Amino acid sequence: MGWVAHLAIRNRGTIGGSLCHADPSAEWPALCIACDARIELRGPRGTRELAAADFMQGLFTTAREADELLVRVRFPRWPRTRRWGFREVSRRRGDFAIAGTACTVDVDDAGTCTDARVVVFGVADGPVRATASETALRGRRFDPDAIREAADIAATGIDARSDPHADAAYRLELVRTLTMRALEDALGRPS
């Protein structure tokens, strides 16, 4: 959580507030998608639950209706085989990310990747699952070669944005580098 905002904001802000704000550079939406979280909404028509990936709909846009409150975020229990990695680049630590990657990787006892989630944020109008990278990892030995290949294809298919902080080409290059580093972090963590 040390990457999320500055100390004063972190002490006053909430996970639900960050999710409902849906800033494309915020860490919480990407983390919730990478961790397969479920979002519970409550309003006059009752309660409904959505996958985090379905809740986040784009630039400052979510599936929450105007008369609904986000009341709960559920994170499923991780399997014992799960590893994780997280990397981001921002102007100063605590600022919104120029680009970032959050990943989870499940590795069996033989060292083979059985499942992966790679989520890129700060690059497009919202968090983006790098599904081609995930596919490149699944069924392969989780090693430096697989990581390099997954990182090389991480930015494919992402409609990166340019703004005064960074142009689209720079953001896509960051995606490749940050995905490699986040996956290397996951490789180095014991399951």
N, C-alpha and C. Protein backbone atom coordinates (compact mmCIF):
# COMPACT_ATOMS: atom_id res chain seq x y z
N MET A 1 0.81 -1.19 0.00
CA MET A 1 0.00 0.00 0.00
C MET A 1 0.85 1.26 0.00
N GLY A 2 2.14 1.11 0.18
CA GLY A 2 3.02 2.25 0.16
C GLY A 2 3.03 2.99 -1.17
N TRP A 3 2.55 2.35 -2.23
CA TRP A 3 2.50 2.99 -3.54
C TRP A 3 1.24 3.85 -3.70
N VAL A 4 0.24 3.63 -2.87
CA VAL A 4 -1.05 4.32 -3.03
C VAL A 4 -0.99 5.70 -2.41
N ALA A 5 -1.06 6.72 -3.22
CA ALA A 5 -1.16 8.12 -2.80
C ALA A 5 -0.07 8.51 -1.81
N HIS A 6 -0.25 9.65 -1.20
CA HIS A 6 0.66 10.14 -0.16
C HIS A 6 0.04 9.81 1.19
N LEU A 7 0.83 9.84 2.24
CA LEU A 7 0.39 9.40 3.56
C LEU A 7 -0.92 10.07 4.00
N ALA A 8 -1.03 11.37 3.87
CA ALA A 8 -2.24 12.06 4.31
C ALA A 8 -3.48 11.58 3.55
N ILE A 9 -3.34 11.37 2.26
CA ILE A 9 -4.47 10.88 1.46
C ILE A 9 -4.77 9.44 1.82
N ARG A 10 -3.74 8.63 1.97
CA ARG A 10 -3.92 7.21 2.31
C ARG A 10 -4.64 7.07 3.65
N ASN A 11 -4.40 7.96 4.57
CA ASN A 11 -5.05 7.88 5.88
C ASN A 11 -6.49 8.35 5.86
N ARG A 12 -6.90 9.11 4.85
CA ARG A 12 -8.27 9.62 4.77
C ARG A 12 -9.09 8.92 3.68
N GLY A 13 -8.43 8.49 2.63
CA GLY A 13 -9.14 7.88 1.50
C GLY A 13 -9.59 6.46 1.82
N THR A 14 -10.45 5.94 0.97
CA THR A 14 -10.94 4.57 1.14
C THR A 14 -10.74 3.78 -0.14
N ILE A 15 -10.73 2.47 0.01
CA ILE A 15 -10.66 1.59 -1.17
C ILE A 15 -11.89 1.83 -2.04
N GLY A 16 -13.07 1.86 -1.42
CA GLY A 16 -14.31 2.07 -2.17
C GLY A 16 -14.31 3.40 -2.89
N GLY A 17 -13.80 4.44 -2.24
CA GLY A 17 -13.73 5.75 -2.88
C GLY A 17 -12.85 5.74 -4.11
N SER A 18 -11.70 5.07 -4.00
CA SER A 18 -10.79 4.97 -5.14
C SER A 18 -11.45 4.20 -6.28
N LEU A 19 -12.14 3.11 -5.95
CA LEU A 19 -12.80 2.32 -6.98
C LEU A 19 -13.90 3.13 -7.67
N CYS A 20 -14.71 3.83 -6.90
CA CYS A 20 -15.81 4.61 -7.49
C CYS A 20 -15.31 5.81 -8.29
N HIS A 21 -14.19 6.37 -7.90
CA HIS A 21 -13.62 7.49 -8.65
C HIS A 21 -13.11 7.02 -10.02
N ALA A 22 -12.58 5.80 -10.07
CA ALA A 22 -12.17 5.15 -11.33
C ALA A 22 -11.13 5.94 -12.11
N ASP A 23 -10.16 6.49 -11.40
CA ASP A 23 -9.07 7.16 -12.09
C ASP A 23 -8.24 6.09 -12.79
N PRO A 24 -7.91 6.26 -14.06
CA PRO A 24 -7.17 5.24 -14.80
C PRO A 24 -5.76 4.98 -14.26
N SER A 25 -5.23 5.91 -13.46
CA SER A 25 -3.89 5.76 -12.91
C SER A 25 -3.89 5.26 -11.47
N ALA A 26 -5.05 4.99 -10.91
CA ALA A 26 -5.14 4.55 -9.52
C ALA A 26 -4.76 3.08 -9.39
N GLU A 27 -4.15 2.75 -8.26
CA GLU A 27 -3.68 1.38 -8.02
C GLU A 27 -4.82 0.42 -7.67
N TRP A 28 -5.77 0.87 -6.82
CA TRP A 28 -6.80 -0.05 -6.33
C TRP A 28 -7.62 -0.72 -7.43
N PRO A 29 -8.09 -0.01 -8.44
CA PRO A 29 -8.83 -0.72 -9.50
C PRO A 29 -8.01 -1.83 -10.15
N ALA A 30 -6.74 -1.55 -10.44
CA ALA A 30 -5.88 -2.58 -11.06
C ALA A 30 -5.66 -3.75 -10.12
N LEU A 31 -5.43 -3.47 -8.84
CA LEU A 31 -5.23 -4.54 -7.87
C LEU A 31 -6.47 -5.41 -7.73
N CYS A 32 -7.63 -4.78 -7.71
CA CYS A 32 -8.87 -5.55 -7.58
C CYS A 32 -9.09 -6.46 -8.78
N ILE A 33 -8.76 -5.98 -9.96
CA ILE A 33 -8.90 -6.83 -11.15
C ILE A 33 -7.88 -7.96 -11.12
N ALA A 34 -6.64 -7.65 -10.77
CA ALA A 34 -5.59 -8.68 -10.71
C ALA A 34 -5.91 -9.75 -9.67
N CYS A 35 -6.58 -9.37 -8.60
CA CYS A 35 -6.90 -10.31 -7.52
C CYS A 35 -8.29 -10.91 -7.65
N ASP A 36 -8.99 -10.63 -8.75
CA ASP A 36 -10.32 -11.17 -9.02
C ASP A 36 -11.32 -10.80 -7.91
N ALA A 37 -11.25 -9.56 -7.45
CA ALA A 37 -12.15 -9.09 -6.39
C ALA A 37 -13.58 -8.98 -6.91
N ARG A 38 -14.52 -9.04 -5.98
CA ARG A 38 -15.94 -8.85 -6.27
C ARG A 38 -16.40 -7.58 -5.57
N ILE A 39 -17.18 -6.77 -6.27
CA ILE A 39 -17.67 -5.49 -5.78
C ILE A 39 -19.16 -5.63 -5.47
N GLU A 40 -19.55 -5.31 -4.24
CA GLU A 40 -20.95 -5.37 -3.85
C GLU A 40 -21.53 -3.95 -3.81
N LEU A 41 -22.64 -3.77 -4.53
CA LEU A 41 -23.34 -2.49 -4.59
C LEU A 41 -24.72 -2.66 -3.97
N ARG A 42 -25.19 -1.62 -3.27
CA ARG A 42 -26.51 -1.66 -2.65
C ARG A 42 -27.25 -0.37 -2.95
N GLY A 43 -28.53 -0.52 -3.32
CA GLY A 43 -29.37 0.63 -3.62
C GLY A 43 -30.82 0.31 -3.38
N PRO A 44 -31.73 1.16 -3.82
CA PRO A 44 -33.16 0.95 -3.57
C PRO A 44 -33.72 -0.30 -4.24
N ARG A 45 -33.05 -0.80 -5.27
CA ARG A 45 -33.52 -2.01 -5.95
C ARG A 45 -32.90 -3.28 -5.36
N GLY A 46 -32.07 -3.13 -4.34
CA GLY A 46 -31.44 -4.29 -3.70
C GLY A 46 -29.94 -4.28 -3.83
N THR A 47 -29.37 -5.45 -3.66
CA THR A 47 -27.92 -5.63 -3.67
C THR A 47 -27.53 -6.40 -4.92
N ARG A 48 -26.42 -6.00 -5.49
CA ARG A 48 -25.86 -6.76 -6.62
C ARG A 48 -24.36 -6.83 -6.47
N GLU A 49 -23.77 -7.87 -7.07
CA GLU A 49 -22.34 -8.08 -6.97
C GLU A 49 -21.76 -8.22 -8.36
N LEU A 50 -20.63 -7.56 -8.58
CA LEU A 50 -19.96 -7.58 -9.89
C LEU A 50 -18.50 -7.94 -9.72
N ALA A 51 -17.94 -8.56 -10.74
CA ALA A 51 -16.49 -8.73 -10.78
C ALA A 51 -15.87 -7.35 -10.94
N ALA A 52 -14.71 -7.14 -10.34
CA ALA A 52 -14.03 -5.84 -10.44
C ALA A 52 -13.84 -5.44 -11.90
N ALA A 53 -13.54 -6.40 -12.76
CA ALA A 53 -13.32 -6.10 -14.18
C ALA A 53 -14.60 -5.57 -14.83
N ASP A 54 -15.77 -6.01 -14.37
CA ASP A 54 -17.04 -5.53 -14.90
C ASP A 54 -17.45 -4.20 -14.27
N PHE A 55 -17.00 -3.96 -13.06
CA PHE A 55 -17.33 -2.72 -12.36
C PHE A 55 -16.63 -1.53 -13.02
N MET A 56 -15.36 -1.71 -13.36
CA MET A 56 -14.58 -0.63 -13.98
C MET A 56 -14.97 -0.56 -15.46
N GLN A 57 -15.45 0.60 -15.91
CA GLN A 57 -15.94 0.69 -17.29
C GLN A 57 -15.18 1.69 -18.16
N GLY A 58 -14.29 2.46 -17.60
CA GLY A 58 -13.52 3.39 -18.41
C GLY A 58 -13.11 4.60 -17.61
N LEU A 59 -12.77 5.65 -18.31
CA LEU A 59 -12.26 6.87 -17.70
C LEU A 59 -13.29 7.45 -16.73
N PHE A 60 -12.99 7.39 -15.44
CA PHE A 60 -13.85 7.90 -14.37
C PHE A 60 -15.27 7.35 -14.45
N THR A 61 -15.43 6.14 -14.95
CA THR A 61 -16.74 5.54 -15.16
C THR A 61 -16.79 4.13 -14.59
N THR A 62 -17.84 3.86 -13.81
CA THR A 62 -18.04 2.52 -13.26
C THR A 62 -19.47 2.06 -13.55
N ALA A 63 -19.79 0.84 -13.15
CA ALA A 63 -21.13 0.28 -13.31
C ALA A 63 -22.07 0.72 -12.18
N ARG A 64 -21.57 1.49 -11.23
CA ARG A 64 -22.40 1.93 -10.10
C ARG A 64 -23.43 2.93 -10.59
N GLU A 65 -24.69 2.70 -10.22
CA GLU A 65 -25.77 3.64 -10.55
C GLU A 65 -25.73 4.80 -9.56
N ALA A 66 -26.33 5.92 -9.92
CA ALA A 66 -26.30 7.12 -9.09
C ALA A 66 -26.91 6.91 -7.71
N ASP A 67 -27.85 5.97 -7.59
CA ASP A 67 -28.51 5.73 -6.30
C ASP A 67 -27.95 4.51 -5.56
N GLU A 68 -26.77 4.05 -5.96
CA GLU A 68 -26.16 2.89 -5.31
C GLU A 68 -24.91 3.30 -4.53
N LEU A 69 -24.62 2.54 -3.50
CA LEU A 69 -23.39 2.68 -2.73
C LEU A 69 -22.55 1.44 -2.89
N LEU A 70 -21.26 1.62 -2.96
CA LEU A 70 -20.36 0.47 -2.91
C LEU A 70 -20.22 0.13 -1.42
N VAL A 71 -20.64 -1.08 -1.05
CA VAL A 71 -20.67 -1.43 0.38
C VAL A 71 -19.64 -2.49 0.76
N ARG A 72 -19.08 -3.20 -0.21
CA ARG A 72 -18.14 -4.25 0.14
C ARG A 72 -17.26 -4.60 -1.06
N VAL A 73 -16.02 -4.91 -0.76
CA VAL A 73 -15.09 -5.45 -1.75
C VAL A 73 -14.62 -6.78 -1.19
N ARG A 74 -14.83 -7.85 -1.94
CA ARG A 74 -14.42 -9.20 -1.49
C ARG A 74 -13.24 -9.68 -2.32
N PHE A 75 -12.23 -10.12 -1.63
CA PHE A 75 -11.07 -10.70 -2.28
C PHE A 75 -11.08 -12.20 -2.01
N PRO A 76 -11.08 -13.03 -3.05
CA PRO A 76 -11.07 -14.48 -2.80
C PRO A 76 -9.75 -14.91 -2.17
N ARG A 77 -9.82 -15.99 -1.43
CA ARG A 77 -8.61 -16.56 -0.82
C ARG A 77 -7.67 -17.02 -1.93
N TRP A 78 -6.40 -16.68 -1.75
CA TRP A 78 -5.41 -17.08 -2.75
C TRP A 78 -5.03 -18.54 -2.57
N PRO A 79 -4.79 -19.23 -3.67
CA PRO A 79 -4.23 -20.59 -3.55
C PRO A 79 -2.79 -20.50 -3.04
N ARG A 80 -2.32 -21.54 -2.44
CA ARG A 80 -0.97 -21.53 -1.87
C ARG A 80 0.11 -21.37 -2.95
N THR A 81 -0.26 -21.60 -4.19
CA THR A 81 0.70 -21.54 -5.30
C THR A 81 0.83 -20.14 -5.90
N ARG A 82 0.09 -19.17 -5.38
CA ARG A 82 0.07 -17.84 -6.00
C ARG A 82 1.28 -17.01 -5.59
N ARG A 83 1.80 -16.30 -6.58
CA ARG A 83 2.86 -15.32 -6.39
C ARG A 83 2.36 -14.00 -6.97
N TRP A 84 3.01 -12.92 -6.62
CA TRP A 84 2.53 -11.63 -7.11
C TRP A 84 3.69 -10.68 -7.38
N GLY A 85 3.39 -9.66 -8.19
CA GLY A 85 4.34 -8.60 -8.47
C GLY A 85 3.61 -7.31 -8.75
N PHE A 86 4.25 -6.20 -8.43
CA PHE A 86 3.64 -4.89 -8.65
C PHE A 86 4.75 -3.89 -8.91
N ARG A 87 4.60 -3.11 -9.97
CA ARG A 87 5.55 -2.05 -10.29
C ARG A 87 4.80 -0.88 -10.91
N GLU A 88 5.28 0.33 -10.63
CA GLU A 88 4.72 1.51 -11.27
C GLU A 88 5.78 2.59 -11.38
N VAL A 89 5.53 3.53 -12.30
CA VAL A 89 6.36 4.72 -12.44
C VAL A 89 5.44 5.92 -12.26
N SER A 90 5.86 6.83 -11.39
CA SER A 90 5.13 8.08 -11.20
C SER A 90 6.15 9.20 -11.06
N ARG A 91 5.70 10.42 -11.18
CA ARG A 91 6.63 11.56 -11.08
C ARG A 91 7.29 11.58 -9.70
N ARG A 92 6.51 11.38 -8.66
CA ARG A 92 7.01 11.25 -7.29
C ARG A 92 6.29 10.06 -6.66
N ARG A 93 6.93 9.40 -5.75
CA ARG A 93 6.26 8.30 -5.06
C ARG A 93 4.99 8.85 -4.40
N GLY A 94 3.87 8.17 -4.64
CA GLY A 94 2.59 8.60 -4.10
C GLY A 94 1.73 9.34 -5.11
N ASP A 95 2.34 9.85 -6.19
CA ASP A 95 1.56 10.49 -7.25
C ASP A 95 0.85 9.41 -8.06
N PHE A 96 -0.13 9.83 -8.85
CA PHE A 96 -0.78 8.87 -9.74
C PHE A 96 0.26 8.32 -10.72
N ALA A 97 0.07 7.07 -11.10
CA ALA A 97 1.02 6.38 -11.96
C ALA A 97 0.97 6.90 -13.40
N ILE A 98 2.13 7.02 -13.99
CA ILE A 98 2.23 7.25 -15.43
C ILE A 98 1.95 5.92 -16.13
N ALA A 99 2.43 4.84 -15.53
CA ALA A 99 2.16 3.48 -15.99
C ALA A 99 2.47 2.54 -14.84
N GLY A 100 1.77 1.41 -14.83
CA GLY A 100 2.03 0.41 -13.80
C GLY A 100 1.52 -0.95 -14.22
N THR A 101 1.99 -1.97 -13.52
CA THR A 101 1.57 -3.35 -13.76
C THR A 101 1.37 -4.05 -12.43
N ALA A 102 0.25 -4.72 -12.29
CA ALA A 102 -0.03 -5.59 -11.14
C ALA A 102 -0.26 -6.99 -11.70
N CYS A 103 0.39 -7.98 -11.10
CA CYS A 103 0.21 -9.33 -11.63
C CYS A 103 0.12 -10.36 -10.51
N THR A 104 -0.59 -11.43 -10.81
CA THR A 104 -0.58 -12.62 -9.97
C THR A 104 -0.27 -13.80 -10.88
N VAL A 105 0.50 -14.74 -10.38
CA VAL A 105 0.89 -15.92 -11.15
C VAL A 105 0.78 -17.14 -10.24
N ASP A 106 0.05 -18.15 -10.70
CA ASP A 106 -0.04 -19.42 -9.97
C ASP A 106 0.95 -20.39 -10.62
N VAL A 107 1.80 -20.97 -9.78
CA VAL A 107 2.86 -21.85 -10.27
C VAL A 107 2.76 -23.18 -9.53
N ASP A 108 2.69 -24.29 -10.27
CA ASP A 108 2.59 -25.59 -9.61
C ASP A 108 3.96 -26.05 -9.11
N ASP A 109 3.99 -27.22 -8.47
CA ASP A 109 5.23 -27.72 -7.88
C ASP A 109 6.33 -27.98 -8.91
N ALA A 110 5.93 -28.18 -10.17
CA ALA A 110 6.92 -28.42 -11.23
C ALA A 110 7.45 -27.12 -11.82
N GLY A 111 6.92 -25.96 -11.35
CA GLY A 111 7.38 -24.68 -11.86
C GLY A 111 6.63 -24.20 -13.08
N THR A 112 5.49 -24.84 -13.39
CA THR A 112 4.69 -24.45 -14.54
C THR A 112 3.62 -23.46 -14.13
N CYS A 113 3.42 -22.45 -14.94
CA CYS A 113 2.38 -21.46 -14.68
C CYS A 113 1.02 -22.08 -15.00
N THR A 114 0.14 -22.14 -14.02
CA THR A 114 -1.19 -22.69 -14.24
C THR A 114 -2.23 -21.60 -14.45
N ASP A 115 -1.96 -20.40 -13.97
CA ASP A 115 -2.85 -19.27 -14.19
C ASP A 115 -2.07 -17.98 -13.99
N ALA A 116 -2.51 -16.92 -14.65
CA ALA A 116 -1.83 -15.63 -14.53
C ALA A 116 -2.83 -14.51 -14.76
N ARG A 117 -2.59 -13.42 -14.08
CA ARG A 117 -3.31 -12.17 -14.30
C ARG A 117 -2.28 -11.08 -14.42
N VAL A 118 -2.34 -10.33 -15.51
CA VAL A 118 -1.46 -9.19 -15.71
C VAL A 118 -2.36 -8.00 -16.03
N VAL A 119 -2.32 -6.99 -15.16
CA VAL A 119 -3.19 -5.82 -15.32
C VAL A 119 -2.30 -4.58 -15.43
N VAL A 120 -2.52 -3.82 -16.49
CA VAL A 120 -1.77 -2.61 -16.76
C VAL A 120 -2.66 -1.42 -16.40
N PHE A 121 -2.08 -0.41 -15.76
CA PHE A 121 -2.87 0.78 -15.41
C PHE A 121 -2.07 2.04 -15.65
N GLY A 122 -2.80 3.17 -15.73
CA GLY A 122 -2.15 4.45 -15.98
C GLY A 122 -1.85 4.70 -17.44
N VAL A 123 -2.20 3.78 -18.29
CA VAL A 123 -1.80 3.84 -19.70
C VAL A 123 -2.99 4.16 -20.61
N ALA A 124 -4.13 3.57 -20.31
CA ALA A 124 -5.33 3.74 -21.12
C ALA A 124 -6.40 4.46 -20.28
N ASP A 125 -7.65 4.37 -20.70
CA ASP A 125 -8.74 5.03 -19.98
C ASP A 125 -9.19 4.28 -18.74
N GLY A 126 -8.55 3.19 -18.43
CA GLY A 126 -8.82 2.41 -17.23
C GLY A 126 -7.85 1.25 -17.18
N PRO A 127 -7.92 0.44 -16.13
CA PRO A 127 -7.04 -0.72 -16.06
C PRO A 127 -7.35 -1.70 -17.20
N VAL A 128 -6.30 -2.30 -17.74
CA VAL A 128 -6.44 -3.21 -18.88
C VAL A 128 -5.76 -4.53 -18.54
N ARG A 129 -6.51 -5.63 -18.70
CA ARG A 129 -5.87 -6.94 -18.56
C ARG A 129 -5.07 -7.24 -19.82
N ALA A 130 -3.83 -7.60 -19.62
CA ALA A 130 -2.96 -7.97 -20.74
C ALA A 130 -3.15 -9.47 -20.99
N THR A 131 -4.29 -9.81 -21.58
CA THR A 131 -4.67 -11.22 -21.74
C THR A 131 -3.70 -11.99 -22.63
N ALA A 132 -3.10 -11.33 -23.62
CA ALA A 132 -2.13 -12.02 -24.47
C ALA A 132 -0.90 -12.43 -23.65
N SER A 133 -0.50 -11.59 -22.71
CA SER A 133 0.62 -11.94 -21.82
C SER A 133 0.24 -13.11 -20.93
N GLU A 134 -0.98 -13.07 -20.40
CA GLU A 134 -1.45 -14.16 -19.54
C GLU A 134 -1.44 -15.49 -20.29
N THR A 135 -1.92 -15.46 -21.53
CA THR A 135 -1.94 -16.67 -22.36
C THR A 135 -0.53 -17.17 -22.63
N ALA A 136 0.40 -16.24 -22.86
CA ALA A 136 1.79 -16.63 -23.14
C ALA A 136 2.43 -17.31 -21.93
N LEU A 137 1.97 -17.00 -20.73
CA LEU A 137 2.54 -17.60 -19.52
C LEU A 137 1.93 -18.97 -19.18
N ARG A 138 0.63 -19.12 -19.38
CA ARG A 138 -0.08 -20.34 -18.97
C ARG A 138 0.47 -21.58 -19.68
N GLY A 139 0.70 -22.61 -18.88
CA GLY A 139 1.16 -23.89 -19.41
C GLY A 139 2.66 -23.95 -19.66
N ARG A 140 3.36 -22.87 -19.39
CA ARG A 140 4.81 -22.83 -19.59
C ARG A 140 5.52 -22.82 -18.26
N ARG A 141 6.75 -23.24 -18.30
CA ARG A 141 7.59 -23.10 -17.11
C ARG A 141 7.73 -21.61 -16.83
N PHE A 142 7.51 -21.21 -15.57
CA PHE A 142 7.60 -19.80 -15.19
C PHE A 142 9.06 -19.48 -14.95
N ASP A 143 9.70 -18.98 -16.01
CA ASP A 143 11.14 -18.71 -15.97
C ASP A 143 11.43 -17.41 -16.72
N PRO A 144 12.69 -16.97 -16.73
CA PRO A 144 13.01 -15.70 -17.40
C PRO A 144 12.61 -15.62 -18.87
N ASP A 145 12.69 -16.74 -19.60
CA ASP A 145 12.29 -16.70 -21.01
C ASP A 145 10.80 -16.42 -21.16
N ALA A 146 9.97 -17.09 -20.35
CA ALA A 146 8.52 -16.86 -20.40
C ALA A 146 8.19 -15.44 -19.98
N ILE A 147 8.90 -14.93 -19.00
CA ILE A 147 8.68 -13.57 -18.53
C ILE A 147 9.00 -12.56 -19.62
N ARG A 148 10.14 -12.74 -20.29
CA ARG A 148 10.53 -11.83 -21.36
C ARG A 148 9.48 -11.81 -22.48
N GLU A 149 9.02 -12.99 -22.86
CA GLU A 149 8.03 -13.07 -23.93
C GLU A 149 6.72 -12.40 -23.50
N ALA A 150 6.26 -12.68 -22.30
CA ALA A 150 5.01 -12.07 -21.80
C ALA A 150 5.14 -10.55 -21.73
N ALA A 151 6.28 -10.06 -21.29
CA ALA A 151 6.49 -8.62 -21.19
C ALA A 151 6.53 -7.97 -22.56
N ASP A 152 7.16 -8.64 -23.53
CA ASP A 152 7.25 -8.09 -24.88
C ASP A 152 5.88 -7.91 -25.52
N ILE A 153 4.93 -8.78 -25.18
CA ILE A 153 3.60 -8.68 -25.81
C ILE A 153 2.59 -7.96 -24.91
N ALA A 154 3.00 -7.52 -23.74
CA ALA A 154 2.06 -6.90 -22.79
C ALA A 154 1.37 -5.66 -23.34
N ALA A 155 2.08 -4.87 -24.10
CA ALA A 155 1.51 -3.61 -24.58
C ALA A 155 0.71 -3.76 -25.86
N THR A 156 0.67 -4.93 -26.43
CA THR A 156 -0.06 -5.10 -27.69
C THR A 156 -1.56 -4.97 -27.43
N GLY A 157 -2.21 -4.25 -28.30
CA GLY A 157 -3.66 -4.10 -28.20
C GLY A 157 -4.12 -3.05 -27.20
N ILE A 158 -3.21 -2.33 -26.56
CA ILE A 158 -3.60 -1.29 -25.61
C ILE A 158 -3.63 0.05 -26.34
N ASP A 159 -4.74 0.74 -26.21
CA ASP A 159 -4.88 2.07 -26.80
C ASP A 159 -4.37 3.08 -25.77
N ALA A 160 -3.06 3.31 -25.79
CA ALA A 160 -2.42 4.18 -24.80
C ALA A 160 -2.77 5.64 -25.08
N ARG A 161 -2.83 6.41 -23.99
CA ARG A 161 -3.15 7.82 -24.10
C ARG A 161 -1.89 8.66 -23.91
N SER A 162 -1.93 9.85 -24.46
CA SER A 162 -0.88 10.84 -24.24
C SER A 162 -1.47 11.96 -23.40
N ASP A 163 -0.65 12.53 -22.54
CA ASP A 163 -1.05 13.70 -21.76
C ASP A 163 0.22 14.48 -21.42
N PRO A 164 0.12 15.57 -20.67
CA PRO A 164 1.32 16.35 -20.38
C PRO A 164 2.42 15.60 -19.61
N HIS A 165 2.08 14.48 -18.99
CA HIS A 165 3.07 13.72 -18.21
C HIS A 165 3.86 12.71 -19.05
N ALA A 166 3.23 12.17 -20.09
CA ALA A 166 3.90 11.17 -20.92
C ALA A 166 3.11 10.93 -22.19
N ASP A 167 3.84 10.63 -23.27
CA ASP A 167 3.12 10.31 -24.50
C ASP A 167 2.84 8.80 -24.56
N ALA A 168 2.00 8.42 -25.50
CA ALA A 168 1.55 7.03 -25.61
C ALA A 168 2.72 6.07 -25.83
N ALA A 169 3.67 6.43 -26.70
CA ALA A 169 4.80 5.53 -26.98
C ALA A 169 5.63 5.27 -25.72
N TYR A 170 5.86 6.30 -24.93
CA TYR A 170 6.62 6.13 -23.68
C TYR A 170 5.86 5.23 -22.72
N ARG A 171 4.56 5.44 -22.62
CA ARG A 171 3.75 4.60 -21.72
C ARG A 171 3.81 3.13 -22.14
N LEU A 172 3.74 2.87 -23.43
CA LEU A 172 3.79 1.47 -23.90
C LEU A 172 5.15 0.84 -23.63
N GLU A 173 6.22 1.63 -23.74
CA GLU A 173 7.54 1.09 -23.39
C GLU A 173 7.62 0.81 -21.90
N LEU A 174 7.02 1.68 -21.10
CA LEU A 174 6.97 1.42 -19.65
C LEU A 174 6.21 0.13 -19.35
N VAL A 175 5.13 -0.13 -20.08
CA VAL A 175 4.36 -1.35 -19.87
C VAL A 175 5.26 -2.57 -20.02
N ARG A 176 6.06 -2.60 -21.08
CA ARG A 176 6.95 -3.74 -21.31
C ARG A 176 7.93 -3.89 -20.14
N THR A 177 8.57 -2.81 -19.76
CA THR A 177 9.57 -2.87 -18.70
C THR A 177 8.95 -3.20 -17.35
N LEU A 178 7.85 -2.54 -17.02
CA LEU A 178 7.22 -2.77 -15.71
C LEU A 178 6.62 -4.17 -15.61
N THR A 179 6.08 -4.68 -16.72
CA THR A 179 5.55 -6.04 -16.70
C THR A 179 6.68 -7.03 -16.47
N MET A 180 7.80 -6.84 -17.13
CA MET A 180 8.94 -7.72 -16.91
C MET A 180 9.37 -7.69 -15.45
N ARG A 181 9.49 -6.51 -14.89
CA ARG A 181 9.95 -6.40 -13.50
C ARG A 181 8.95 -6.96 -12.50
N ALA A 182 7.66 -6.72 -12.74
CA ALA A 182 6.64 -7.27 -11.84
C ALA A 182 6.63 -8.80 -11.90
N LEU A 183 6.76 -9.36 -13.10
CA LEU A 183 6.81 -10.82 -13.23
C LEU A 183 8.09 -11.39 -12.63
N GLU A 184 9.19 -10.68 -12.79
CA GLU A 184 10.45 -11.12 -12.14
C GLU A 184 10.30 -11.09 -10.63
N ASP A 185 9.61 -10.07 -10.09
CA ASP A 185 9.35 -10.04 -8.66
C ASP A 185 8.55 -11.26 -8.23
N ALA A 186 7.53 -11.60 -9.03
CA ALA A 186 6.71 -12.77 -8.73
C ALA A 186 7.54 -14.05 -8.79
N LEU A 187 8.42 -14.15 -9.77
CA LEU A 187 9.28 -15.33 -9.90
C LEU A 187 10.15 -15.50 -8.66
N GLY A 188 10.60 -14.39 -8.11
CA GLY A 188 11.49 -14.44 -6.94
C GLY A 188 10.79 -14.69 -5.62
N ARG A 189 9.45 -14.64 -5.62
CA ARG A 189 8.70 -14.88 -4.37
C ARG A 189 8.35 -16.35 -4.26
N PRO A 190 8.58 -16.95 -3.11
CA PRO A 190 8.18 -18.35 -2.95
C PRO A 190 6.68 -18.47 -2.88
N SER A 191 6.16 -19.58 -3.41
CA SER A 191 4.71 -19.79 -3.32
C SER A 191 4.35 -20.41 -2.00
